[in-house]
């Protein structure tokens, strides 16, 4: 992974002269290219030189002049800044609109807890896989759903991330403090780093770099460890809105917190997982409850190279966070669309299940939860269900889960057996035939 750094800007007098000349020739001032994209030099250098410019470098200098004039500076040690482009404002508006209306329109209603459970699991799995956890999504979900003890390093990473996201949900109304960041890191890294003494502790030396796994090249050298307590205090003040005379939209603020923690790299390991968890902390603290349902890391994982490049673009272009903000907004919008597609799919499945099992429902023999598990069982003959797993996936009590599954067994729709000391319920191979015979 390599990003070509921008060419050095000319002296201010020469830059002003260039801009004045282009404006007089009819070129419109802009911070984006002709297709309205906010591109880094690494991308701009491959463009065809626009009309009225002598070279692509001259065009870049023209863009940079207007970007400098629109910078919104941030209160960090490095002079982080961003530019509130039309695209960013449009994306934020769309997220706000979806946050306030779309979930209700989708009629999640009484099923909302199931969607939260699903999103917590998927976020934990994807965030861990970004850091190298190697296990199948099915195995990971099975572990979380049945509350099994992790069997290996990868499963432990996922289990920890799941606990961390639950921790955030519990403490989302608290102020963010360095102590809470350390507590979150301890949860994320439990039994997954070489030295247990590093869990929940800021690094104690500077023997750390972010490197390209393919080439071994150093991509980022984090700040000195002595500066971390002060840097974490600044980060927390920013996250808690303790910066007078300054407003940053909460979504943008959460993205900046994500970047800042990753940039500071305050831990020996687990920085990425902690940074992504803090993003959720900030949005939930600011009442963006929609984010309980989306799995952002799933989409970051699909474009992990672009995710990494967006960090490099910021640092190589004078700490311009606009690149990272644009990248994250793209992932957020993909995650929201993914949620709505998932909701539509599940509601269609529920409707189909209700149609298929209408005779049972009309006789009062089944509830909607039982109808959904039978819909799943028809597609997965031989599937095994446990009381504990069903309890977690439906977010119900143990007694209710046991009653549901025992009821299905009495109707002949599931077969009961034992695995060790626990009861299990199996989808019979002739399940659909049994349903047709009842009808």
Protein backbone atom coordinates (compact mmCIF):
# COMPACT_ATOMS: atom_id res chain seq x y z
CA UNK A 1 0.00 0.00 0.00
CA UNK A 2 1.56 3.26 -1.12
CA UNK A 3 0.23 6.79 -1.49
CA UNK A 4 2.18 9.36 -3.51
CA UNK A 5 2.52 12.57 -1.48
CA UNK A 6 1.37 15.85 -3.06
CA UNK A 7 3.90 18.19 -4.71
CA UNK A 8 5.05 21.14 -2.64
CA UNK A 9 2.97 24.27 -3.09
CA UNK A 10 4.67 27.31 -4.67
CA UNK A 11 5.33 30.49 -2.69
CA UNK A 12 2.17 32.35 -1.68
CA UNK A 13 2.80 35.19 -4.15
CA UNK A 14 3.12 32.75 -7.05
CA UNK A 15 0.06 30.81 -5.87
CA UNK A 16 -2.10 33.96 -5.66
CA UNK A 17 -0.92 34.97 -9.13
CA UNK A 18 -1.88 31.55 -10.55
CA UNK A 19 -5.34 31.62 -8.95
CA UNK A 20 -6.02 35.21 -10.05
CA UNK A 21 -5.06 34.37 -13.62
CA UNK A 22 -7.34 31.32 -13.72
CA UNK A 23 -10.29 33.14 -12.19
CA UNK A 24 -9.92 35.93 -14.74
CA UNK A 25 -9.94 33.34 -17.52
CA UNK A 26 -13.31 32.04 -16.32
CA UNK A 27 -12.29 29.06 -14.19
CA UNK A 28 -14.67 28.68 -11.22
CA UNK A 29 -13.19 28.37 -7.70
CA UNK A 30 -13.50 24.82 -6.38
CA UNK A 31 -12.18 22.31 -3.85
CA UNK A 32 -13.34 19.32 -5.93
CA UNK A 33 -12.59 18.12 -9.44
CA UNK A 34 -14.87 18.47 -12.45
CA UNK A 35 -16.84 15.38 -11.34
CA UNK A 36 -17.29 16.88 -7.86
CA UNK A 37 -14.86 14.43 -6.24
CA UNK A 38 -12.59 15.45 -3.35
CA UNK A 39 -9.50 13.64 -4.58
CA UNK A 40 -6.03 13.24 -3.12
CA UNK A 41 -3.01 14.04 -5.28
CA UNK A 42 -2.43 10.28 -5.66
CA UNK A 43 -5.65 10.20 -7.72
CA UNK A 44 -5.49 13.68 -9.25
CA UNK A 45 -2.10 13.00 -10.84
CA UNK A 46 -3.72 10.40 -13.12
CA UNK A 47 -6.40 12.78 -14.41
CA UNK A 48 -6.32 14.47 -17.78
CA UNK A 49 -5.18 18.08 -17.32
CA UNK A 50 -8.32 20.26 -17.39
CA UNK A 51 -8.69 22.96 -20.00
CA UNK A 52 -6.97 26.30 -19.20
CA UNK A 53 -4.30 24.60 -17.04
CA UNK A 54 -0.74 24.01 -18.23
CA UNK A 55 -0.15 20.90 -16.13
CA UNK A 56 -1.89 18.63 -13.65
CA UNK A 57 0.39 20.01 -10.92
CA UNK A 58 -0.89 23.53 -11.65
CA UNK A 59 -4.46 22.24 -11.39
CA UNK A 60 -3.63 20.65 -8.02
CA UNK A 61 -2.21 23.96 -6.75
CA UNK A 62 -5.44 25.69 -7.80
CA UNK A 63 -7.57 23.17 -5.85
CA UNK A 64 -5.31 23.40 -2.79
CA UNK A 65 -5.58 27.20 -2.66
CA UNK A 66 -9.35 27.01 -2.20
CA UNK A 67 -9.12 24.05 0.16
CA UNK A 68 -6.83 26.04 2.44
CA UNK A 69 -9.40 28.83 2.52
CA UNK A 70 -12.18 26.47 3.66
CA UNK A 71 -10.33 24.53 6.35
CA UNK A 72 -12.12 23.89 9.65
CA UNK A 73 -9.33 23.50 12.21
CA UNK A 74 -9.67 21.01 15.07
CA UNK A 75 -8.26 21.25 18.62
CA UNK A 76 -5.67 18.48 18.42
CA UNK A 77 -1.90 18.55 18.86
CA UNK A 78 -1.41 18.13 15.13
CA UNK A 79 -3.33 20.68 13.08
CA UNK A 80 -6.07 18.32 11.96
CA UNK A 81 -8.66 19.98 9.76
CA UNK A 82 -11.48 19.08 7.42
CA UNK A 83 -13.54 20.77 4.72
CA UNK A 84 -17.32 20.62 4.83
CA UNK A 85 -17.90 19.83 1.16
CA UNK A 86 -21.33 19.66 -0.46
CA UNK A 87 -21.02 15.87 -0.60
CA UNK A 88 -20.29 15.60 3.11
CA UNK A 89 -23.26 17.84 3.97
CA UNK A 90 -25.52 15.83 1.63
CA UNK A 91 -24.41 12.51 3.17
CA UNK A 92 -24.91 13.78 6.71
CA UNK A 93 -28.39 15.07 5.81
CA UNK A 94 -29.33 11.68 4.36
CA UNK A 95 -28.08 9.89 7.49
CA UNK A 96 -30.04 12.29 9.71
CA UNK A 97 -33.19 11.75 7.63
CA UNK A 98 -32.84 7.97 7.77
CA UNK A 99 -32.09 8.10 11.49
CA UNK A 100 -35.32 9.89 12.26
CA UNK A 101 -37.79 8.08 10.06
CA UNK A 102 -36.80 5.05 8.09
CA UNK A 103 -36.61 2.46 10.84
CA UNK A 104 -40.11 3.32 12.02
CA UNK A 105 -41.29 3.16 8.41
CA UNK A 106 -39.79 -0.31 8.14
CA UNK A 107 -41.95 -1.35 11.12
CA UNK A 108 -39.26 -3.12 13.12
CA UNK A 109 -41.46 -2.57 16.17
CA UNK A 110 -41.44 -5.47 18.60
CA UNK A 111 -38.66 -7.23 16.65
CA UNK A 112 -36.11 -4.46 17.22
CA UNK A 113 -34.20 -6.38 19.91
CA UNK A 114 -33.55 -9.23 17.47
CA UNK A 115 -32.06 -6.79 14.97
CA UNK A 116 -29.81 -5.36 17.68
CA UNK A 117 -28.57 -8.83 18.63
CA UNK A 118 -27.82 -9.59 14.98
CA UNK A 119 -25.94 -6.31 14.47
CA UNK A 120 -23.92 -6.72 17.69
CA UNK A 121 -22.78 -10.14 16.55
CA UNK A 122 -21.91 -9.06 13.01
CA UNK A 123 -20.03 -5.95 14.15
CA UNK A 124 -17.99 -8.00 16.63
CA UNK A 125 -17.15 -10.59 13.97
CA UNK A 126 -16.22 -8.14 11.18
CA UNK A 127 -14.18 -5.81 13.40
CA UNK A 128 -12.15 -8.79 14.66
CA UNK A 129 -11.67 -10.20 11.17
CA UNK A 130 -10.23 -6.82 10.11
CA UNK A 131 -7.52 -7.41 12.71
CA UNK A 132 -6.78 -10.94 11.50
CA UNK A 133 -9.31 -13.17 13.26
CA UNK A 134 -9.61 -16.28 11.07
CA UNK A 135 -12.86 -18.10 11.64
CA UNK A 136 -16.09 -18.55 9.74
CA UNK A 137 -19.03 -16.25 10.42
CA UNK A 138 -21.18 -19.33 11.10
CA UNK A 139 -18.80 -20.66 13.75
CA UNK A 140 -18.50 -17.23 15.37
CA UNK A 141 -22.26 -16.69 15.48
CA UNK A 142 -22.73 -20.17 16.92
CA UNK A 143 -20.26 -19.36 19.70
CA UNK A 144 -21.96 -16.05 20.57
CA UNK A 145 -25.51 -17.32 20.21
CA UNK A 146 -24.90 -20.33 22.45
CA UNK A 147 -22.65 -18.42 24.86
CA UNK A 148 -19.84 -20.93 24.32
CA UNK A 149 -16.36 -20.43 25.67
CA UNK A 150 -14.02 -19.30 22.83
CA UNK A 151 -11.96 -22.21 21.53
CA UNK A 152 -9.06 -20.31 19.94
CA UNK A 153 -7.44 -16.90 19.47
CA UNK A 154 -9.75 -15.82 16.65
CA UNK A 155 -12.90 -16.72 18.53
CA UNK A 156 -11.55 -14.94 21.63
CA UNK A 157 -11.08 -11.72 19.59
CA UNK A 158 -14.68 -11.92 18.40
CA UNK A 159 -16.02 -12.76 21.86
CA UNK A 160 -14.12 -9.76 23.31
CA UNK A 161 -15.47 -7.41 20.65
CA UNK A 162 -19.00 -8.59 21.43
CA UNK A 163 -18.46 -7.83 25.13
CA UNK A 164 -16.97 -4.43 24.24
CA UNK A 165 -19.98 -3.39 22.15
CA UNK A 166 -22.31 -4.41 24.98
CA UNK A 167 -20.13 -2.38 27.36
CA UNK A 168 -20.52 0.67 25.13
CA UNK A 169 -24.29 0.28 25.04
CA UNK A 170 -24.35 0.15 28.85
CA UNK A 171 -22.15 3.25 29.24
CA UNK A 172 -23.27 5.28 26.22
CA UNK A 173 -24.62 8.10 28.41
CA UNK A 174 -21.38 8.46 30.40
CA UNK A 175 -18.71 10.98 29.52
CA UNK A 176 -15.75 9.51 27.71
CA UNK A 177 -12.62 9.50 29.90
CA UNK A 178 -9.10 8.05 29.53
CA UNK A 179 -10.07 5.56 32.26
CA UNK A 180 -13.07 4.34 30.23
CA UNK A 181 -10.92 4.06 27.10
CA UNK A 182 -8.51 1.86 29.07
CA UNK A 183 -11.38 -0.24 30.40
CA UNK A 184 -12.73 -0.68 26.88
CA UNK A 185 -9.29 -1.70 25.62
CA UNK A 186 -8.95 -4.26 28.43
CA UNK A 187 -12.22 -5.88 27.33
CA UNK A 188 -11.17 -5.86 23.65
CA UNK A 189 -7.74 -7.44 24.28
CA UNK A 190 -8.51 -9.92 27.06
CA UNK A 191 -6.28 -12.99 26.47
CA UNK A 192 -5.42 -11.89 22.89
CA UNK A 193 -2.09 -10.07 23.29
CA UNK A 194 1.35 -11.47 24.13
CA UNK A 195 1.80 -9.68 27.45
CA UNK A 196 -1.32 -9.61 29.69
CA UNK A 197 0.18 -6.58 31.46
CA UNK A 198 -0.51 -4.56 28.29
CA UNK A 199 -4.28 -5.11 28.57
CA UNK A 200 -5.98 -1.84 29.49
CA UNK A 201 -2.68 0.04 29.57
CA UNK A 202 -1.21 2.75 27.35
CA UNK A 203 2.01 1.63 25.68
CA UNK A 204 5.13 2.35 27.67
CA UNK A 205 7.60 2.84 24.82
CA UNK A 206 7.82 3.94 21.18
CA UNK A 207 8.78 0.55 19.78
CA UNK A 208 5.72 0.46 17.55
CA UNK A 209 5.00 1.28 13.92
CA UNK A 210 2.15 0.59 11.52
CA UNK A 211 3.66 -1.46 8.69
CA UNK A 212 2.48 -2.80 5.35
CA UNK A 213 2.12 -6.56 5.92
CA UNK A 214 3.09 -7.29 2.31
CA UNK A 215 6.21 -5.14 1.97
CA UNK A 216 7.26 -4.44 5.56
CA UNK A 217 7.36 -0.70 4.80
CA UNK A 218 6.53 1.63 7.69
CA UNK A 219 3.23 3.39 6.96
CA UNK A 220 2.82 5.35 10.20
CA UNK A 221 4.98 6.17 13.23
CA UNK A 222 2.69 7.03 16.18
CA UNK A 223 3.38 9.93 18.58
CA UNK A 224 5.73 9.47 21.55
CA UNK A 225 4.27 7.48 24.42
CA UNK A 226 4.97 10.26 26.96
CA UNK A 227 2.42 12.45 25.18
CA UNK A 228 -0.42 9.90 25.35
CA UNK A 229 -2.10 11.03 28.63
CA UNK A 230 -2.42 14.59 27.30
CA UNK A 231 -3.54 13.41 23.88
CA UNK A 232 -6.22 11.16 25.38
CA UNK A 233 -7.52 14.05 27.48
CA UNK A 234 -7.84 16.22 24.35
CA UNK A 235 -9.59 13.36 22.55
CA UNK A 236 -12.09 12.91 25.41
CA UNK A 237 -12.78 16.66 25.67
CA UNK A 238 -13.50 16.71 21.94
CA UNK A 239 -15.76 13.64 22.15
CA UNK A 240 -17.65 15.10 25.14
CA UNK A 241 -18.31 18.46 23.43
CA UNK A 242 -16.05 20.29 25.90
CA UNK A 243 -14.68 22.58 23.21
CA UNK A 244 -16.22 26.09 23.50
CA UNK A 245 -17.13 28.12 20.42
CA UNK A 246 -16.98 25.07 18.19
CA UNK A 247 -19.59 22.75 16.66
CA UNK A 248 -18.82 19.54 14.81
CA UNK A 249 -21.71 17.40 13.59
CA UNK A 250 -21.91 14.26 15.80
CA UNK A 251 -21.40 11.86 12.87
CA UNK A 252 -18.31 13.77 11.75
CA UNK A 253 -17.16 13.96 15.38
CA UNK A 254 -17.44 10.18 15.75
CA UNK A 255 -15.41 9.66 12.56
CA UNK A 256 -12.72 12.06 13.80
CA UNK A 257 -12.53 10.25 17.17
CA UNK A 258 -12.10 6.98 15.24
CA UNK A 259 -9.23 8.48 13.24
CA UNK A 260 -7.56 10.19 16.19
CA UNK A 261 -7.40 7.09 18.37
CA UNK A 262 -6.02 5.05 15.46
CA UNK A 263 -3.49 7.80 14.67
CA UNK A 264 -2.27 8.02 18.28
CA UNK A 265 -2.00 4.20 18.44
CA UNK A 266 -1.91 4.38 22.25
CA UNK A 267 -1.82 0.60 22.77
CA UNK A 268 0.58 -2.21 21.97
CA UNK A 269 -2.27 -4.00 20.17
CA UNK A 270 -6.02 -3.64 19.68
CA UNK A 271 -5.93 -0.03 18.44
CA UNK A 272 -8.20 -0.61 15.42
CA UNK A 273 -10.82 -2.50 17.39
CA UNK A 274 -10.83 0.15 20.12
CA UNK A 275 -11.04 3.00 17.59
CA UNK A 276 -14.02 1.46 15.80
CA UNK A 277 -15.73 0.80 19.15
CA UNK A 278 -15.27 4.47 20.12
CA UNK A 279 -17.02 5.51 16.91
CA UNK A 280 -20.11 3.69 18.18
CA UNK A 281 -19.70 5.26 21.60
CA UNK A 282 -19.85 8.79 20.19
CA UNK A 283 -22.84 8.25 17.88
CA UNK A 284 -24.87 6.45 20.55
CA UNK A 285 -24.00 9.12 23.11
CA UNK A 286 -25.44 11.67 20.69
CA UNK A 287 -28.73 9.75 20.40
CA UNK A 288 -28.09 8.24 16.97
CA UNK A 289 -29.87 5.05 17.99
CA UNK A 290 -29.97 3.82 14.38
CA UNK A 291 -26.33 2.80 14.78
CA UNK A 292 -27.37 0.06 17.20
CA UNK A 293 -28.59 -1.79 14.11
CA UNK A 294 -25.80 -1.25 11.56
CA UNK A 295 -22.60 -3.25 11.18
CA UNK A 296 -20.07 -0.74 9.90
CA UNK A 297 -17.04 -3.05 10.08
CA UNK A 298 -18.67 -5.46 7.63
CA UNK A 299 -18.35 -2.82 4.89
CA UNK A 300 -14.93 -1.61 6.01
CA UNK A 301 -13.72 -5.22 5.76
CA UNK A 302 -14.99 -5.48 2.19
CA UNK A 303 -12.88 -2.43 1.25
CA UNK A 304 -10.01 -2.78 3.73
CA UNK A 305 -7.46 -1.41 1.26
CA UNK A 306 -9.42 1.82 0.75
CA UNK A 307 -9.83 2.01 4.54
CA UNK A 308 -6.07 1.88 4.99
CA UNK A 309 -5.41 4.30 2.13
CA UNK A 310 -7.75 6.90 3.67
CA UNK A 311 -5.49 7.04 6.76
CA UNK A 312 -2.42 7.53 4.57
CA UNK A 313 -4.09 10.26 2.50
CA UNK A 314 -4.80 12.29 5.65
CA UNK A 315 -1.25 12.15 6.95
CA UNK A 316 0.40 12.71 3.57
CA UNK A 317 -1.65 15.84 2.81
CA UNK A 318 -1.09 17.95 5.91
CA UNK A 319 -3.64 16.16 8.15
CA UNK A 320 -6.64 16.80 5.88
CA UNK A 321 -9.31 14.60 7.48
CA UNK A 322 -11.74 15.16 4.60
CA UNK A 323 -10.42 12.02 2.90
CA UNK A 324 -11.13 9.84 5.93
CA UNK A 325 -14.53 11.45 6.57
CA UNK A 326 -15.62 10.84 2.96
CA UNK A 327 -14.48 7.23 3.16
CA UNK A 328 -16.33 6.56 6.42
CA UNK A 329 -19.54 8.25 5.25
CA UNK A 330 -19.51 5.92 2.26
CA UNK A 331 -19.26 2.90 4.59
CA UNK A 332 -22.02 4.26 6.85
CA UNK A 333 -24.42 4.70 3.93
CA UNK A 334 -23.63 1.19 2.70
CA UNK A 335 -24.27 -0.17 6.19
CA UNK A 336 -27.62 1.64 6.45
CA UNK A 337 -28.70 0.29 3.04
CA UNK A 338 -27.56 -3.15 4.15
CA UNK A 339 -29.72 -2.86 7.25
CA UNK A 340 -32.81 -1.87 5.29
CA UNK A 341 -32.25 -4.68 2.77
CA UNK A 342 -31.90 -7.13 5.68
CA UNK A 343 -35.09 -5.84 7.33
CA UNK A 344 -37.01 -6.21 4.04
CA UNK A 345 -35.68 -9.75 3.62
CA UNK A 346 -36.61 -10.77 7.16
CA UNK A 347 -40.06 -9.25 6.92
CA UNK A 348 -40.67 -11.12 3.66
CA UNK A 349 -39.47 -14.33 5.33
CA UNK A 350 -41.78 -13.70 8.27
CA UNK A 351 -44.71 -13.10 5.91
CA UNK A 352 -43.91 -16.36 4.07
CA UNK A 353 -43.62 -18.21 7.36
CA UNK A 354 -46.98 -16.91 8.50
CA UNK A 355 -48.57 -17.98 5.21
CA UNK A 356 -47.01 -21.43 5.36
CA UNK A 357 -48.01 -21.98 8.96
CA UNK A 358 -51.38 -20.24 8.77
CA UNK A 359 -53.30 -23.32 9.96
CA UNK A 360 -51.16 -23.61 13.10
CA UNK A 361 -51.46 -19.88 13.75
CA UNK A 362 -55.23 -19.87 13.18
CA UNK A 363 -55.56 -22.66 15.76
CA UNK A 364 -53.39 -20.69 18.22
CA UNK A 365 -50.75 -23.44 18.20
CA UNK A 366 -47.80 -21.18 17.26
CA UNK A 367 -46.56 -17.66 18.00
CA UNK A 368 -44.58 -15.52 15.51
CA UNK A 369 -41.23 -16.51 17.07
CA UNK A 370 -41.98 -20.18 16.59
CA UNK A 371 -43.16 -19.52 13.03
CA UNK A 372 -39.82 -17.90 12.20
CA UNK A 373 -37.74 -20.77 13.60
CA UNK A 374 -39.79 -23.26 11.58
CA UNK A 375 -39.28 -21.11 8.47
CA UNK A 376 -35.53 -21.38 9.13
CA UNK A 377 -35.78 -25.11 9.85
CA UNK A 378 -37.50 -25.79 6.49
CA UNK A 379 -34.49 -24.27 4.72
CA UNK A 380 -31.99 -26.06 6.98
CA UNK A 381 -33.28 -29.59 7.54
CA UNK A 382 -31.25 -31.27 10.26
CA UNK A 383 -30.41 -27.94 11.91
CA UNK A 384 -29.89 -28.10 15.66
CA UNK A 385 -31.44 -25.55 18.04
CA UNK A 386 -30.65 -25.12 21.73
CA UNK A 387 -32.62 -23.32 24.40
CA UNK A 388 -29.69 -21.03 25.19
CA UNK A 389 -29.06 -20.13 21.56
CA UNK A 390 -32.75 -19.50 20.86
CA UNK A 391 -32.95 -17.37 24.02
CA UNK A 392 -30.09 -15.12 22.86
CA UNK A 393 -31.20 -14.79 19.23
CA UNK A 394 -34.77 -13.89 20.23
CA UNK A 395 -33.72 -11.82 23.25
CA UNK A 396 -36.18 -13.62 25.52
CA UNK A 397 -35.93 -15.37 28.88
CA UNK A 398 -34.77 -18.96 29.31
CA UNK A 399 -38.20 -20.17 30.46
CA UNK A 400 -39.92 -18.61 27.41
CA UNK A 401 -37.32 -20.08 25.05
CA UNK A 402 -37.74 -23.54 26.56
CA UNK A 403 -41.53 -23.27 26.33
CA UNK A 404 -41.35 -22.28 22.64
CA UNK A 405 -39.06 -25.16 21.66
CA UNK A 406 -40.90 -27.75 23.75
CA UNK A 407 -44.14 -26.56 22.13
CA UNK A 408 -42.69 -27.16 18.66
CA UNK A 409 -41.54 -30.61 19.76
CA UNK A 410 -45.06 -31.48 20.98
CA UNK A 411 -46.47 -30.41 17.61
CA UNK A 412 -43.99 -32.73 15.88
CA UNK A 413 -42.24 -29.84 14.12
CA UNK A 414 -38.95 -30.37 15.95
CA UNK A 415 -37.41 -33.51 17.42
CA UNK A 416 -35.95 -33.39 20.93
CA UNK A 417 -32.70 -35.07 21.88
CA UNK A 418 -29.80 -34.57 24.30
CA UNK A 419 -26.22 -33.47 23.72
CA UNK A 420 -24.30 -34.10 26.88
CA UNK A 421 -26.47 -32.67 29.63
CA UNK A 422 -28.26 -30.13 27.42
CA UNK A 423 -31.47 -30.59 25.46
CA UNK A 424 -31.29 -29.97 21.72
CA UNK A 425 -34.06 -29.69 19.12
CA UNK A 426 -33.54 -30.95 15.55
CA UNK A 427 -35.38 -30.01 12.33
CA UNK A 428 -36.73 -33.32 10.91
CA UNK A 429 -36.02 -34.14 7.28
CA UNK A 430 -39.76 -34.49 6.49
CA UNK A 431 -40.71 -31.18 8.17
CA UNK A 432 -42.54 -29.68 5.19
CA UNK A 433 -44.56 -32.88 4.71
CA UNK A 434 -45.62 -32.78 8.37
CA UNK A 435 -46.86 -29.20 7.93
CA UNK A 436 -48.84 -30.12 4.78
CA UNK A 437 -50.47 -33.05 6.56
CA UNK A 438 -51.62 -30.78 9.40
CA UNK A 439 -53.09 -28.33 6.91
